[in-house]
C-alpha atoms as a PDB file:
ATOM      1  CA  MET A   1      -0.202   0.025  -0.209  1.00  0.00           C
ATOM      2  CA  GLY A   2       1.456   3.461  -1.117  1.00  0.00           C
ATOM      3  CA  ASP A   3       1.875   6.439   1.053  1.00  0.00           C
ATOM      4  CA  ASP A   4      -1.318   8.330  -0.260  1.00  0.00           C
ATOM      5  CA  ALA A   5      -3.377   4.863   0.477  1.00  0.00           C
ATOM      6  CA  LEU A   6      -2.044   4.807   3.990  1.00  0.00           C
ATOM      7  CA  LEU A   7      -3.028   8.407   4.727  1.00  0.00           C
ATOM      8  CA  ILE A   8      -6.491   7.676   3.205  1.00  0.00           C
ATOM      9  CA  GLU A   9      -6.829   5.154   5.519  1.00  0.00           C
ATOM     10  CA  SER A  10      -5.713   7.043   8.774  1.00  0.00           C
ATOM     11  CA  PHE A  11      -8.076   9.474   8.067  1.00  0.00           C
ATOM     12  CA  LEU A  12     -10.918   7.151   7.368  1.00  0.00           C
ATOM     13  CA  GLU A  13     -10.280   5.736  10.502  1.00  0.00           C
ATOM     14  CA  MET A  14     -10.723   8.734  12.554  1.00  0.00           C
ATOM     15  CA  LEU A  15     -13.848   9.784  10.620  1.00  0.00           C
ATOM     16  CA  MET A  16     -15.158   6.423  12.139  1.00  0.00           C
ATOM     17  CA  ALA A  17     -13.672   6.396  15.814  1.00  0.00           C
ATOM     18  CA  GLU A  18     -13.999  10.268  16.469  1.00  0.00           C
ATOM     19  CA  ARG A  19     -16.824  11.423  14.654  1.00  0.00           C
ATOM     20  CA  GLY A  20     -18.939   7.989  14.441  1.00  0.00           C
ATOM     21  CA  MET A  21     -19.448   8.863  10.946  1.00  0.00           C
ATOM     22  CA  ALA A  22     -21.869   6.556   9.071  1.00  0.00           C
ATOM     23  CA  ARG A  23     -20.309   3.683   6.671  1.00  0.00           C
ATOM     24  CA  ASN A  24     -21.883   5.233   3.499  1.00  0.00           C
ATOM     25  CA  SER A  25     -20.359   8.478   4.218  1.00  0.00           C
ATOM     26  CA  VAL A  26     -17.162   7.128   4.965  1.00  0.00           C
ATOM     27  CA  GLU A  27     -17.120   5.417   1.581  1.00  0.00           C
ATOM     28  CA  ALA A  28     -17.538   8.481  -0.090  1.00  0.00           C
ATOM     29  CA  TYR A  29     -14.522  10.269   1.324  1.00  0.00           C
ATOM     30  CA  ARG A  30     -12.602   7.040   0.185  1.00  0.00           C
ATOM     31  CA  ARG A  31     -13.910   7.533  -3.427  1.00  0.00           C
ATOM     32  CA  ASP A  32     -13.113  11.048  -3.521  1.00  0.00           C
ATOM     33  CA  LEU A  33      -9.857  10.843  -2.356  1.00  0.00           C
ATOM     34  CA  ALA A  34      -8.968   7.685  -4.380  1.00  0.00           C
ATOM     35  CA  HIS A  35      -9.838   9.803  -7.485  1.00  0.00           C
ATOM     36  CA  ALA A  36      -7.885  12.770  -6.351  1.00  0.00           C
ATOM     37  CA  ALA A  37      -4.789  10.468  -5.200  1.00  0.00           C
ATOM     38  CA  GLN A  38      -5.143   8.942  -8.838  1.00  0.00           C
ATOM     39  CA  TYR A  39      -4.987  12.432 -10.448  1.00  0.00           C
ATOM     40  CA  LEU A  40      -1.780  13.504  -8.631  1.00  0.00           C
ATOM     41  CA  LYS A  41      -0.086   9.940  -9.453  1.00  0.00           C
ATOM     42  CA  GLY A  42      -0.578  10.521 -13.234  1.00  0.00           C
ATOM     43  CA  ARG A  43       1.283  13.682 -12.714  1.00  0.00           C
ATOM     44  CA  GLY A  44       4.095  12.283 -10.402  1.00  0.00           C
ATOM     45  CA  GLY A  45       2.779  13.772  -7.473  1.00  0.00           C
ATOM     46  CA  ASN A  46       1.292  12.820  -3.990  1.00  0.00           C
ATOM     47  CA  PHE A  47      -0.609  14.340  -1.255  1.00  0.00           C
ATOM     48  CA  LYS A  48       2.081  15.496   0.767  1.00  0.00           C
ATOM     49  CA  SER A  49       3.850  17.374  -2.080  1.00  0.00           C
ATOM     50  CA  ALA A  50       0.664  18.725  -3.846  1.00  0.00           C
ATOM     51  CA  THR A  51       0.174  22.441  -4.100  1.00  0.00           C
ATOM     52  CA  ASP A  52      -2.849  24.693  -4.407  1.00  0.00           C
ATOM     53  CA  ALA A  53      -1.912  25.049  -8.420  1.00  0.00           C
ATOM     54  CA  ASP A  54      -2.303  21.283  -8.018  1.00  0.00           C
ATOM     55  CA  TRP A  55      -5.759  21.296  -6.823  1.00  0.00           C
ATOM     56  CA  ARG A  56      -6.913  24.088  -9.171  1.00  0.00           C
ATOM     57  CA  GLY A  57      -5.652  21.855 -12.079  1.00  0.00           C
ATOM     58  CA  TYR A  58      -7.587  19.157 -10.612  1.00  0.00           C
ATOM     59  CA  LEU A  59     -10.742  20.986 -10.544  1.00  0.00           C
ATOM     60  CA  ALA A  60     -10.217  22.175 -14.229  1.00  0.00           C
ATOM     61  CA  ALA A  61      -9.668  18.553 -14.942  1.00  0.00           C
ATOM     62  CA  LEU A  62     -13.253  17.558 -13.368  1.00  0.00           C
ATOM     63  CA  ALA A  63     -14.566  20.236 -15.481  1.00  0.00           C
ATOM     64  CA  GLU A  64     -13.281  19.048 -18.941  1.00  0.00           C
ATOM     65  CA  GLN A  65     -14.317  15.765 -18.006  1.00  0.00           C
ATOM     66  CA  GLY A  66     -17.700  16.735 -17.682  1.00  0.00           C
ATOM     67  CA  PHE A  67     -18.440  16.323 -13.998  1.00  0.00           C
ATOM     68  CA  GLY A  68     -21.043  18.849 -12.608  1.00  0.00           C
ATOM     69  CA  ALA A  69     -20.628  21.442 -10.209  1.00  0.00           C
ATOM     70  CA  ALA A  70     -22.189  19.462  -7.092  1.00  0.00           C
ATOM     71  CA  THR A  71     -19.239  16.619  -7.789  1.00  0.00           C
ATOM     72  CA  ALA A  72     -16.683  19.083  -7.759  1.00  0.00           C
ATOM     73  CA  ALA A  73     -17.965  20.940  -4.556  1.00  0.00           C
ATOM     74  CA  ARG A  74     -18.128  17.726  -2.869  1.00  0.00           C
ATOM     75  CA  ARG A  75     -14.683  16.365  -3.821  1.00  0.00           C
ATOM     76  CA  THR A  76     -13.294  19.883  -2.858  1.00  0.00           C
ATOM     77  CA  SER A  77     -14.907  19.367   0.501  1.00  0.00           C
ATOM     78  CA  SER A  78     -13.528  16.016   0.978  1.00  0.00           C
ATOM     79  CA  LEU A  79      -9.964  17.381   0.119  1.00  0.00           C
ATOM     80  CA  ARG A  80     -10.263  20.098   2.802  1.00  0.00           C
ATOM     81  CA  GLN A  81     -11.596  17.878   5.468  1.00  0.00           C
ATOM     82  CA  PHE A  82      -8.366  15.419   4.497  1.00  0.00           C
ATOM     83  CA  TYR A  83      -5.903  18.187   4.571  1.00  0.00           C
ATOM     84  CA  LYS A  84      -6.981  19.533   7.836  1.00  0.00           C
ATOM     85  CA  PHE A  85      -6.511  15.917   9.433  1.00  0.00           C
ATOM     86  CA  LEU A  86      -2.951  16.015   7.922  1.00  0.00           C
ATOM     87  CA  TYR A  87      -2.156  19.600   9.293  1.00  0.00           C
ATOM     88  CA  GLY A  88      -3.676  18.366  12.536  1.00  0.00           C
ATOM     89  CA  GLU A  89      -1.278  15.178  12.461  1.00  0.00           C
ATOM     90  CA  THR A  90       1.501  17.456  11.520  1.00  0.00           C
ATOM     91  CA  ILE A  91       1.847  15.560   8.199  1.00  0.00           C
ATOM     92  CA  ARG A  92       1.268  18.862   6.272  1.00  0.00           C
ATOM     93  CA  ALA A  93       2.600  22.035   7.655  1.00  0.00           C
ATOM     94  CA  ASP A  94      -0.114  23.862   5.622  1.00  0.00           C
ATOM     95  CA  ASN A  95      -3.406  23.215   3.932  1.00  0.00           C
ATOM     96  CA  PRO A  96      -2.959  23.465  -0.175  1.00  0.00           C
ATOM     97  CA  THR A  97      -6.977  23.815  -0.322  1.00  0.00           C
ATOM     98  CA  ALA A  98      -7.340  26.462   1.865  1.00  0.00           C
ATOM     99  CA  THR A  99      -7.349  28.892  -0.936  1.00  0.00           C
ATOM    100  CA  LEU A 100      -9.493  26.988  -3.401  1.00  0.00           C
ATOM    101  CA  ASP A 101     -12.920  28.374  -4.676  1.00  0.00           C
ATOM    102  CA  SER A 102     -15.800  26.246  -4.137  1.00  0.00           C
ATOM    103  CA  PRO A 103     -17.422  25.407  -7.238  1.00  0.00           C
ATOM    104  CA  ARG A 104     -20.862  26.859  -7.278  1.00  0.00           C
ATOM    105  CA  ARG A 105     -23.880  24.714  -7.514  1.00  0.00           C
ATOM    106  CA  GLY A 106     -27.452  25.537  -7.359  1.00  0.00           C
ATOM    107  CA  ARG A 107     -29.873  23.927  -4.606  1.00  0.00           C
ATOM    108  CA  PRO A 108     -32.743  22.228  -6.344  1.00  0.00           C
ATOM    109  CA  LEU A 109     -35.852  22.250  -4.330  1.00  0.00           C
ATOM    110  CA  PRO A 110     -36.744  19.016  -2.806  1.00  0.00           C
ATOM    111  CA  LYS A 111     -40.052  17.502  -4.646  1.00  0.00           C
ATOM    112  CA  ILE A 112     -42.822  17.040  -2.470  1.00  0.00           C
ATOM    113  CA  LEU A 113     -46.267  15.290  -2.616  1.00  0.00           C
ATOM    114  CA  SER A 114     -49.200  17.616  -1.867  1.00  0.00           C
ATOM    115  CA  GLU A 115     -51.480  16.390   1.166  1.00  0.00           C
ATOM    116  CA  GLY A 116     -54.154  15.080  -0.898  1.00  0.00           C
ATOM    117  CA  ASP A 117     -51.425  12.668  -2.692  1.00  0.00           C
ATOM    118  CA  VAL A 118     -49.816  11.697   0.786  1.00  0.00           C
ATOM    119  CA  GLU A 119     -53.841  10.819   1.617  1.00  0.00           C
ATOM    120  CA  ARG A 120     -54.314   8.666  -1.778  1.00  0.00           C
ATOM    121  CA  LEU A 121     -51.132   6.944  -1.120  1.00  0.00           C
ATOM    122  CA  LEU A 122     -52.272   6.276   2.771  1.00  0.00           C
ATOM    123  CA  ASP A 123     -55.545   4.985   1.351  1.00  0.00           C
ATOM    124  CA  ALA A 124     -54.048   2.622  -1.408  1.00  0.00           C
ATOM    125  CA  ALA A 125     -51.907   0.987   1.254  1.00  0.00           C
ATOM    126  CA  ALA A 126     -55.327   0.933   3.824  1.00  0.00           C
ATOM    127  CA  ALA A 127     -56.744  -0.782   0.816  1.00  0.00           C
ATOM    128  CA  ALA A 128     -54.201  -3.507   0.157  1.00  0.00           C
ATOM    129  CA  VAL A 129     -54.597  -4.317   3.728  1.00  0.00           C
ATOM    130  CA  ALA A 130     -58.298  -4.762   3.559  1.00  0.00           C
ATOM    131  CA  THR A 131     -58.184  -6.937   0.451  1.00  0.00           C
ATOM    132  CA  ALA A 132     -55.223  -9.194   1.906  1.00  0.00           C
ATOM    133  CA  GLU A 133     -56.279 -12.735   1.409  1.00  0.00           C
ATOM    134  CA  THR A 134     -53.642 -14.461   3.328  1.00  0.00           C
ATOM    135  CA  PRO A 135     -52.128 -13.728   6.806  1.00  0.00           C
ATOM    136  CA  ALA A 136     -48.622 -13.546   4.890  1.00  0.00           C
ATOM    137  CA  GLU A 137     -50.267 -11.012   2.678  1.00  0.00           C
ATOM    138  CA  ALA A 138     -52.035  -9.043   5.466  1.00  0.00           C
ATOM    139  CA  PHE A 139     -48.621  -8.718   7.509  1.00  0.00           C
ATOM    140  CA  ARG A 140     -46.909  -7.524   4.145  1.00  0.00           C
ATOM    141  CA  ALA A 141     -49.612  -4.710   3.680  1.00  0.00           C
ATOM    142  CA  GLU A 142     -49.946  -3.993   7.618  1.00  0.00           C
ATOM    143  CA  ARG A 143     -46.272  -3.360   7.395  1.00  0.00           C
ATOM    144  CA  LEU A 144     -46.101  -1.213   4.484  1.00  0.00           C
ATOM    145  CA  LEU A 145     -49.253   0.972   5.665  1.00  0.00           C
ATOM    146  CA  THR A 146     -46.981   1.432   8.889  1.00  0.00           C
ATOM    147  CA  LEU A 147     -43.742   2.312   7.554  1.00  0.00           C
ATOM    148  CA  LEU A 148     -45.906   5.156   5.620  1.00  0.00           C
ATOM    149  CA  GLU A 149     -47.729   6.337   8.473  1.00  0.00           C
ATOM    150  CA  VAL A 150     -44.641   6.480  10.926  1.00  0.00           C
ATOM    151  CA  LEU A 151     -42.551   7.977   7.923  1.00  0.00           C
ATOM    152  CA  TYR A 152     -45.254  10.689   7.204  1.00  0.00           C
ATOM    153  CA  ALA A 153     -45.588  11.203  10.938  1.00  0.00           C
ATOM    154  CA  THR A 154     -42.026  11.562  12.045  1.00  0.00           C
ATOM    155  CA  GLY A 155     -40.045  12.703   8.617  1.00  0.00           C
ATOM    156  CA  LEU A 156     -37.440  10.097   9.834  1.00  0.00           C
ATOM    157  CA  ARG A 157     -34.414   9.462   6.837  1.00  0.00           C
ATOM    158  CA  VAL A 158     -35.205   6.034   5.386  1.00  0.00           C
ATOM    159  CA  SER A 159     -32.119   4.406   6.931  1.00  0.00           C
ATOM    160  CA  GLU A 160     -33.529   5.314  10.431  1.00  0.00           C
ATOM    161  CA  LEU A 161     -36.885   3.823   9.713  1.00  0.00           C
ATOM    162  CA  VAL A 162     -36.172   0.613   8.141  1.00  0.00           C
ATOM    163  CA  SER A 163     -33.797  -0.199  11.051  1.00  0.00           C
ATOM    164  CA  LEU A 164     -35.921   0.919  13.847  1.00  0.00           C
ATOM    165  CA  PRO A 165     -35.479  -1.701  16.764  1.00  0.00           C
ATOM    166  CA  VAL A 166     -38.963  -2.949  18.008  1.00  0.00           C
ATOM    167  CA  THR A 167     -37.942  -1.441  21.308  1.00  0.00           C
ATOM    168  CA  ALA A 168     -38.296   1.744  19.821  1.00  0.00           C
ATOM    169  CA  VAL A 169     -42.055   2.043  20.096  1.00  0.00           C
ATOM    170  CA  ALA A 170     -42.910   1.039  23.840  1.00  0.00           C
ATOM    171  CA  ALA A 171     -46.906   0.650  24.074  1.00  0.00           C
ATOM    172  CA  GLY A 172     -48.680   4.283  24.793  1.00  0.00           C
ATOM    173  CA  ARG A 173     -45.342   6.187  24.542  1.00  0.00           C
ATOM    174  CA  PRO A 174     -46.055   9.143  22.408  1.00  0.00           C
ATOM    175  CA  PHE A 175     -42.619   9.521  21.267  1.00  0.00           C
ATOM    176  CA  LEU A 176     -40.324   7.452  19.095  1.00  0.00           C
ATOM    177  CA  PHE A 177     -36.627   7.659  19.934  1.00  0.00           C
ATOM    178  CA  VAL A 178     -34.026   7.440  16.926  1.00  0.00           C
ATOM    179  CA  ARG A 179     -30.301   7.084  16.887  1.00  0.00           C
ATOM    180  CA  GLY A 180     -29.513   9.232  13.817  1.00  0.00           C
ATOM    181  CA  LYS A 181     -26.215  10.355  12.183  1.00  0.00           C
ATOM    182  CA  GLY A 182     -23.213  10.370  14.264  1.00  0.00           C
ATOM    183  CA  GLY A 183     -24.964   8.225  16.934  1.00  0.00           C
ATOM    184  CA  LYS A 184     -26.831  11.140  18.145  1.00  0.00           C
ATOM    185  CA  GLU A 185     -30.449  10.314  19.631  1.00  0.00           C
ATOM    186  CA  ARG A 186     -33.764  12.484  19.136  1.00  0.00           C
ATOM    187  CA  GLY A 187     -36.839  11.757  20.224  1.00  0.00           C
ATOM    188  CA  VAL A 188     -39.737  12.493  17.493  1.00  0.00           C
ATOM    189  CA  PRO A 189     -43.454  12.877  18.647  1.00  0.00           C
ATOM    190  CA  LEU A 190     -45.970  10.077  16.812  1.00  0.00           C
ATOM    191  CA  SER A 191     -49.275  11.151  15.598  1.00  0.00           C
ATOM    192  CA  GLU A 192     -52.349   9.118  16.944  1.00  0.00           C
ATOM    193  CA  ARG A 193     -52.662   7.810  13.427  1.00  0.00           C
ATOM    194  CA  ALA A 194     -48.893   6.453  13.563  1.00  0.00           C
ATOM    195  CA  ARG A 195     -49.607   5.080  17.204  1.00  0.00           C
ATOM    196  CA  ASP A 196     -52.761   3.411  15.945  1.00  0.00           C
ATOM    197  CA  ALA A 197     -50.921   1.921  12.942  1.00  0.00           C
ATOM    198  CA  ILE A 198     -48.311   0.678  15.083  1.00  0.00           C
ATOM    199  CA  ALA A 199     -50.976  -0.939  17.264  1.00  0.00           C
ATOM    200  CA  ARG A 200     -52.300  -2.796  14.604  1.00  0.00           C
ATOM    201  CA  TYR A 201     -49.106  -4.145  13.301  1.00  0.00           C
ATOM    202  CA  LEU A 202     -47.736  -5.593  16.293  1.00  0.00           C
ATOM    203  CA  PRO A 203     -50.019  -8.546  16.707  1.00  0.00           C
ATOM    204  CA  LEU A 204     -49.454  -9.404  12.985  1.00  0.00           C
ATOM    205  CA  ARG A 205     -45.900  -9.096  13.378  1.00  0.00           C
ATOM    206  CA  ALA A 206     -46.094 -11.344  16.435  1.00  0.00           C
ATOM    207  CA  ALA A 207     -47.957 -14.052  14.593  1.00  0.00           C
ATOM    208  CA  THR A 208     -45.117 -14.467  11.944  1.00  0.00           C
ATOM    209  CA  PRO A 209     -41.689 -16.205  12.168  1.00  0.00           C
ATOM    210  CA  TYR A 210     -40.178 -12.908  12.731  1.00  0.00           C
ATOM    211  CA  LYS A 211     -41.775 -12.402  16.116  1.00  0.00           C
ATOM    212  CA  LYS A 212     -38.378 -12.758  17.903  1.00  0.00           C
ATOM    213  CA  SER A 213     -36.566 -10.285  15.639  1.00  0.00           C
ATOM    214  CA  PRO A 214     -35.038  -7.119  17.138  1.00  0.00           C
ATOM    215  CA  TRP A 215     -36.196  -5.178  14.248  1.00  0.00           C
ATOM    216  CA  LEU A 216     -39.501  -3.419  13.861  1.00  0.00           C
ATOM    217  CA  PHE A 217     -39.846  -3.975  10.317  1.00  0.00           C
ATOM    218  CA  PRO A 218     -38.091  -7.362   9.667  1.00  0.00           C
ATOM    219  CA  SER A 219     -37.467  -9.211   6.503  1.00  0.00           C
ATOM    220  CA  ARG A 220     -35.598 -12.088   4.961  1.00  0.00           C
ATOM    221  CA  ALA A 221     -32.798  -9.455   3.894  1.00  0.00           C
ATOM    222  CA  ALA A 222     -29.290 -10.189   5.361  1.00  0.00           C
ATOM    223  CA  ALA A 223     -29.363  -7.366   7.689  1.00  0.00           C
ATOM    224  CA  GLY A 224     -32.916  -8.889   9.425  1.00  0.00           C
ATOM    225  CA  TYR A 225     -34.956  -6.054   8.450  1.00  0.00           C
ATOM    226  CA  LEU A 226     -36.540  -4.307   5.001  1.00  0.00           C
ATOM    227  CA  THR A 227     -33.667  -2.669   3.014  1.00  0.00           C
ATOM    228  CA  ARG A 228     -34.142   0.954   1.643  1.00  0.00           C
ATOM    229  CA  GLN A 229     -34.423  -0.512  -2.014  1.00  0.00           C
ATOM    230  CA  GLN A 230     -36.931  -3.010  -0.963  1.00  0.00           C
ATOM    231  CA  PHE A 231     -38.871   0.000   0.780  1.00  0.00           C
ATOM    232  CA  ALA A 232     -38.680   2.033  -2.366  1.00  0.00           C
ATOM    233  CA  LEU A 233     -39.715  -0.722  -4.899  1.00  0.00           C
ATOM    234  CA  LEU A 234     -42.998  -1.278  -2.486  1.00  0.00           C
ATOM    235  CA  LEU A 235     -43.769   2.369  -2.675  1.00  0.00           C
ATOM    236  CA  LYS A 236     -43.211   2.521  -6.311  1.00  0.00           C
ATOM    237  CA  ASP A 237     -45.890  -0.297  -6.891  1.00  0.00           C
ATOM    238  CA  LEU A 238     -47.991   1.505  -4.213  1.00  0.00           C
ATOM    239  CA  ALA A 239     -47.922   4.691  -6.156  1.00  0.00           C
ATOM    240  CA  GLY A 240     -49.210   3.244  -9.432  1.00  0.00           C
ATOM    241  CA  SER A 241     -52.289   1.798  -7.221  1.00  0.00           C
ATOM    242  CA  ALA A 242     -52.583   5.292  -5.987  1.00  0.00           C
ATOM    243  CA  GLY A 243     -52.825   6.988  -9.187  1.00  0.00           C
ATOM    244  CA  LEU A 244     -49.506   8.588  -8.651  1.00  0.00           C
ATOM    245  CA  LYS A 245     -47.647   6.787 -11.310  1.00  0.00           C
ATOM    246  CA  GLY A 246     -46.438   9.867 -13.083  1.00  0.00           C
ATOM    247  CA  LYS A 247     -44.917  11.260 -10.031  1.00  0.00           C
ATOM    248  CA  THR A 248     -41.412  11.213  -8.772  1.00  0.00           C
ATOM    249  CA  LEU A 249     -42.126   9.311  -5.416  1.00  0.00           C
ATOM    250  CA  SER A 250     -39.315   7.829  -3.066  1.00  0.00           C
ATOM    251  CA  PRO A 251     -39.473   7.318   0.748  1.00  0.00           C
ATOM    252  CA  HIS A 252     -37.387  10.560   0.787  1.00  0.00           C
ATOM    253  CA  THR A 253     -40.349  12.438  -0.907  1.00  0.00           C
ATOM    254  CA  LEU A 254     -42.266  11.600   1.986  1.00  0.00           C
ATOM    255  CA  ARG A 255     -39.672  12.928   4.327  1.00  0.00           C
ATOM    256  CA  HIS A 256     -39.852  16.279   2.303  1.00  0.00           C
ATOM    257  CA  ALA A 257     -43.616  16.181   2.433  1.00  0.00           C
ATOM    258  CA  PHE A 258     -43.615  15.935   6.219  1.00  0.00           C
ATOM    259  CA  ALA A 259     -41.274  18.912   6.819  1.00  0.00           C
ATOM    260  CA  THR A 260     -43.255  21.140   4.157  1.00  0.00           C
ATOM    261  CA  HIS A 261     -46.674  20.109   5.410  1.00  0.00           C
ATOM    262  CA  LEU A 262     -45.661  21.058   9.113  1.00  0.00           C
ATOM    263  CA  LEU A 263     -44.207  24.294   7.891  1.00  0.00           C
ATOM    264  CA  ALA A 264     -47.292  25.044   5.730  1.00  0.00           C
ATOM    265  CA  HIS A 265     -49.455  24.649   9.157  1.00  0.00           C
ATOM    266  CA  GLY A 266     -47.206  26.980  10.833  1.00  0.00           C
ATOM    267  CA  ALA A 267     -44.841  24.844  12.809  1.00  0.00           C
ATOM    268  CA  ASP A 268     -41.780  26.160  14.137  1.00  0.00           C
ATOM    269  CA  LEU A 269     -38.368  25.944  11.871  1.00  0.00           C
ATOM    270  CA  ARG A 270     -36.463  25.169  14.982  1.00  0.00           C
ATOM    271  CA  ALA A 271     -38.925  22.033  15.994  1.00  0.00           C
ATOM    272  CA  VAL A 272     -38.939  21.084  12.469  1.00  0.00           C
ATOM    273  CA  GLN A 273     -34.976  21.039  12.573  1.00  0.00           C
ATOM    274  CA  LYS A 274     -34.963  19.115  15.460  1.00  0.00           C
ATOM    275  CA  MET A 275     -37.581  16.311  14.466  1.00  0.00           C
ATOM    276  CA  LEU A 276     -35.450  15.948  11.092  1.00  0.00           C
ATOM    277  CA  GLY A 277     -32.154  15.457  13.011  1.00  0.00           C
ATOM    278  CA  HIS A 278     -30.670  18.467  10.881  1.00  0.00           C
ATOM    279  CA  ALA A 279     -27.385  19.499  12.448  1.00  0.00           C
ATOM    280  CA  ASP A 280     -27.421  22.977  10.691  1.00  0.00           C
ATOM    281  CA  ILE A 281     -30.709  24.879  10.408  1.00  0.00           C
ATOM    282  CA  SER A 282     -29.741  26.160   6.977  1.00  0.00           C
ATOM    283  CA  THR A 283     -30.279  22.805   5.653  1.00  0.00           C
ATOM    284  CA  THR A 284     -34.038  22.823   7.105  1.00  0.00           C
ATOM    285  CA  GLN A 285     -34.433  26.229   5.497  1.00  0.00           C
ATOM    286  CA  ILE A 286     -34.771  25.096   2.048  1.00  0.00           C
ATOM    287  CA  TYR A 287     -38.292  23.883   2.951  1.00  0.00           C
ATOM    288  CA  THR A 288     -39.269  27.561   3.328  1.00  0.00           C
ATOM    289  CA  HIS A 289     -38.210  28.240  -0.085  1.00  0.00           C
ATOM    290  CA  VAL A 290     -40.105  25.309  -1.205  1.00  0.00           C
ATOM    291  CA  LEU A 291     -43.406  27.239   0.294  1.00  0.00           C
ATOM    292  CA  ALA A 292     -42.383  30.200  -1.225  1.00  0.00           C
ATOM    293  CA  GLU A 293     -42.108  28.542  -4.472  1.00  0.00           C
ATOM    294  CA  ARG A 294     -45.501  27.088  -4.307  1.00  0.00           C
ATOM    295  CA  MET A 295     -46.665  30.208  -3.075  1.00  0.00           C
ATOM    296  CA  ARG A 296     -45.644  32.286  -6.068  1.00  0.00           C
ATOM    297  CA  ALA A 297     -46.638  29.787  -8.352  1.00  0.00           C
ATOM    298  CA  LEU A 298     -50.246  29.992  -7.073  1.00  0.00           C
ATOM    299  CA  VAL A 299     -49.933  33.563  -7.186  1.00  0.00           C
ATOM    300  CA  GLU A 300     -48.950  33.748 -10.762  1.00  0.00           C
ATOM    301  CA  SER A 301     -51.792  30.966 -11.754  1.00  0.00           C
ATOM    302  CA  ALA A 302     -54.836  32.614  -9.419  1.00  0.00           C
ATOM    303  CA  HIS A 303     -54.384  36.102  -8.801  1.00  0.00           C
ATOM    304  CA  PRO A 304     -56.500  38.557 -11.330  1.00  0.00           C
ATOM    305  CA  LEU A 305     -53.384  40.763 -11.914  1.00  0.00           C
ATOM    306  CA  ALA A 306     -50.877  37.866 -12.698  1.00  0.00           C
ATOM    307  CA  LYS A 307     -49.551  38.023 -16.152  1.00  0.00           C
ATOM    308  CA  GLY A 308     -51.467  36.690 -19.096  1.00  0.00           C
ATOM    309  CA  ARG A 309     -54.727  37.062 -16.760  1.00  0.00           C
ATOM    310  CA  LYS A 310     -57.473  39.198 -17.601  1.00  0.00           C
ATOM    311  CA  ILE A 311     -59.895  40.903 -15.427  1.00  0.00           C
ATOM    312  CA  ASP A 312     -63.250  40.985 -16.153  1.00  0.00           C
ATOM    313  CA  LYS A 313     -64.136  44.574 -16.214  1.00  0.00           C
ATOM    314  CA  GLY A 314     -68.120  44.202 -15.527  1.00  0.00           C
ATOM    315  CA  LYS A 315     -67.206  42.230 -12.505  1.00  0.00           C
ATOM    316  CA  ALA A 316     -64.419  44.642 -11.596  1.00  0.00           C
ATOM    317  CA  ALA A 317     -67.051  47.510 -11.511  1.00  0.00           C
ATOM    318  CA  HIS A 318     -69.005  45.880  -8.705  1.00  0.00           C
END
């Protein structure tokens, strides 16, 4: 293993041991740094000798190869964190990425469902429960309905939701305790609908071979619980039954809907931030932009003075 590879491994070990970073995030850093190391190697350089000019050349190469601003910004961020680590460990006496300008990237507004769309989705899931013909079908249908009710009631990340332990939903407790990013635990209130869904689901779960599973939403997957991919596929099929086939729909879409609908009904931004598990409120503020965009569209389509709309002068006179 070369010097650069050893430095990368030391950095990744620090992220896991000291920051408790999730494996997926650690692997993203690994890919970014390995790509940058390959660039330096092709020019006879390495992380210890690289200059700010080398990294400006790297960003230019990314643009020439067709990489978008989002990818370039993420890799710049990875390099900055990496060199902070090297500086802190006295492996480098400086940080050659400190003067780099982060590539500007637009922040797309999250796609959400209307409140009516969510109701149609939940109604379709409830209909599947009502028409189930076998105990196995009833369990799977009730599991999906409960997943959706809990997701829309709490706004959990899909990875947090599918991996909930069964102990997270103690009988009668109005809160769900979740261990999120960095191992931080937070309490999220459960709606009455979500609690009712859990109460209906647990007896069905207890009548399956999964009754001793430690997971709330068990499956035959290697992890022992329903995977994110399995949940996404089930949701896609359900969307078709609900007449939402043409919409971009994923478990994350319901997380967006949770936040946006709460804010639309007057919820406090800080409270929504806490429930979502966002470390920085600026991440949560994206949902206020969604509401502003929807309001603008509403005004443009409905206001009598909006561009392209004509006022009925007869009615206006009254």
